[in-house]
Amino acid sequence: MEELGTVEEALPSLRFRVKLDTGRELLGYLSGKMRQDNIRVVVGDRVRVKVEPVGNVHRIVRRLEWRER
């Protein structure tokens, strides 16, 4: 399941604290394609997060462009 959120804090090892639009806060890491293509994510960016049903670390799959925010 994918949800939208905002990056609240940048942590070491390309991990980020993300606050979802639903109000839930979670820990996310950059997907392999985003790392491979050198897509930068900074605090305040809107992102799409793939929320895993098991575990507490989720994958950031897309940084939304300004038109999509």
C-alpha atoms as a PDB file:
ATOM      1  CA  MET A   1       0.000   0.000   0.000  1.00  0.00           C
ATOM      2  CA  GLU A   2       1.387   3.418  -0.937  1.00  0.00           C
ATOM      3  CA  GLU A   3       0.689   6.604   0.998  1.00  0.00           C
ATOM      4  CA  LEU A   4       1.763  10.244   0.738  1.00  0.00           C
ATOM      5  CA  GLY A   5       3.734  12.057   3.414  1.00  0.00           C
ATOM      6  CA  THR A   6       6.247  14.774   4.261  1.00  0.00           C
ATOM      7  CA  VAL A   7       9.874  14.250   5.298  1.00  0.00           C
ATOM      8  CA  GLU A   8      10.244  15.541   8.861  1.00  0.00           C
ATOM      9  CA  GLU A   9      13.840  14.567   9.674  1.00  0.00           C
ATOM     10  CA  ALA A  10      16.915  13.218   7.842  1.00  0.00           C
ATOM     11  CA  LEU A  11      18.726  10.417   9.682  1.00  0.00           C
ATOM     12  CA  PRO A  12      22.038   8.624   8.953  1.00  0.00           C
ATOM     13  CA  SER A  13      22.258   5.860   6.296  1.00  0.00           C
ATOM     14  CA  LEU A  14      19.714   7.477   3.936  1.00  0.00           C
ATOM     15  CA  ARG A  15      16.852   6.999   6.369  1.00  0.00           C
ATOM     16  CA  PHE A  16      14.139   9.559   6.978  1.00  0.00           C
ATOM     17  CA  ARG A  17      11.374  10.180   9.484  1.00  0.00           C
ATOM     18  CA  VAL A  18       8.190  10.691   7.453  1.00  0.00           C
ATOM     19  CA  LYS A  19       4.837  12.009   8.636  1.00  0.00           C
ATOM     20  CA  LEU A  20       2.010  10.585   6.540  1.00  0.00           C
ATOM     21  CA  ASP A  21      -1.069  12.585   5.571  1.00  0.00           C
ATOM     22  CA  THR A  22      -3.058  10.322   7.899  1.00  0.00           C
ATOM     23  CA  GLY A  23      -1.022  11.636  10.859  1.00  0.00           C
ATOM     24  CA  ARG A  24       1.064   8.488  11.370  1.00  0.00           C
ATOM     25  CA  GLU A  25       4.865   8.870  11.691  1.00  0.00           C
ATOM     26  CA  LEU A  26       7.225   6.217  10.359  1.00  0.00           C
ATOM     27  CA  LEU A  27      10.815   5.489   9.428  1.00  0.00           C
ATOM     28  CA  GLY A  28      11.621   5.212   5.727  1.00  0.00           C
ATOM     29  CA  TYR A  29      14.622   4.488   3.533  1.00  0.00           C
ATOM     30  CA  LEU A  30      15.307   5.346  -0.110  1.00  0.00           C
ATOM     31  CA  SER A  31      14.446   2.697  -2.676  1.00  0.00           C
ATOM     32  CA  GLY A  32      17.227   1.267  -4.834  1.00  0.00           C
ATOM     33  CA  LYS A  33      16.161   3.164  -7.976  1.00  0.00           C
ATOM     34  CA  MET A  34      16.210   6.478  -6.117  1.00  0.00           C
ATOM     35  CA  ARG A  35      19.721   5.737  -4.834  1.00  0.00           C
ATOM     36  CA  GLN A  36      20.873   4.573  -8.259  1.00  0.00           C
ATOM     37  CA  ASP A  37      19.532   7.706  -9.984  1.00  0.00           C
ATOM     38  CA  ASN A  38      20.930  10.023  -7.246  1.00  0.00           C
ATOM     39  CA  ILE A  39      17.549  11.532  -6.397  1.00  0.00           C
ATOM     40  CA  ARG A  40      17.997  13.782  -3.377  1.00  0.00           C
ATOM     41  CA  VAL A  41      15.416  13.986  -0.627  1.00  0.00           C
ATOM     42  CA  VAL A  42      15.549  16.783   1.943  1.00  0.00           C
ATOM     43  CA  VAL A  43      13.445  17.813   4.922  1.00  0.00           C
ATOM     44  CA  GLY A  44      10.113  19.236   3.777  1.00  0.00           C
ATOM     45  CA  ASP A  45       9.862  17.182   0.566  1.00  0.00           C
ATOM     46  CA  ARG A  46       6.595  15.430  -0.247  1.00  0.00           C
ATOM     47  CA  VAL A  47       7.172  11.718  -0.890  1.00  0.00           C
ATOM     48  CA  ARG A  48       5.258   8.567  -1.754  1.00  0.00           C
ATOM     49  CA  VAL A  49       5.978   5.764   0.725  1.00  0.00           C
ATOM     50  CA  LYS A  50       5.335   2.056   0.243  1.00  0.00           C
ATOM     51  CA  VAL A  51       4.043   0.973   3.642  1.00  0.00           C
ATOM     52  CA  GLU A  52       4.945  -2.623   4.481  1.00  0.00           C
ATOM     53  CA  PRO A  53       2.424  -4.577   6.588  1.00  0.00           C
ATOM     54  CA  VAL A  54       5.204  -6.208   8.638  1.00  0.00           C
ATOM     55  CA  GLY A  55       8.174  -4.382  10.176  1.00  0.00           C
ATOM     56  CA  ASN A  56       8.783  -0.804  11.118  1.00  0.00           C
ATOM     57  CA  VAL A  57      10.970   0.414   8.221  1.00  0.00           C
ATOM     58  CA  HIS A  58       9.208   1.404   5.002  1.00  0.00           C
ATOM     59  CA  ARG A  59      10.410   2.315   1.492  1.00  0.00           C
ATOM     60  CA  ILE A  60      10.341   5.805  -0.051  1.00  0.00           C
ATOM     61  CA  VAL A  61       9.576   5.120  -3.714  1.00  0.00           C
ATOM     62  CA  ARG A  62       9.053   8.607  -5.170  1.00  0.00           C
ATOM     63  CA  ARG A  63       9.764  12.257  -4.441  1.00  0.00           C
ATOM     64  CA  LEU A  64       6.808  14.287  -5.648  1.00  0.00           C
ATOM     65  CA  GLU A  65       7.401  17.188  -7.998  1.00  0.00           C
ATOM     66  CA  TRP A  66       6.059  20.624  -7.156  1.00  0.00           C
ATOM     67  CA  ARG A  67       3.025  20.057  -9.448  1.00  0.00           C
ATOM     68  CA  GLU A  68       2.050  16.910  -7.528  1.00  0.00           C
ATOM     69  CA  ARG A  69       2.294  18.429  -4.051  1.00  0.00           C
END
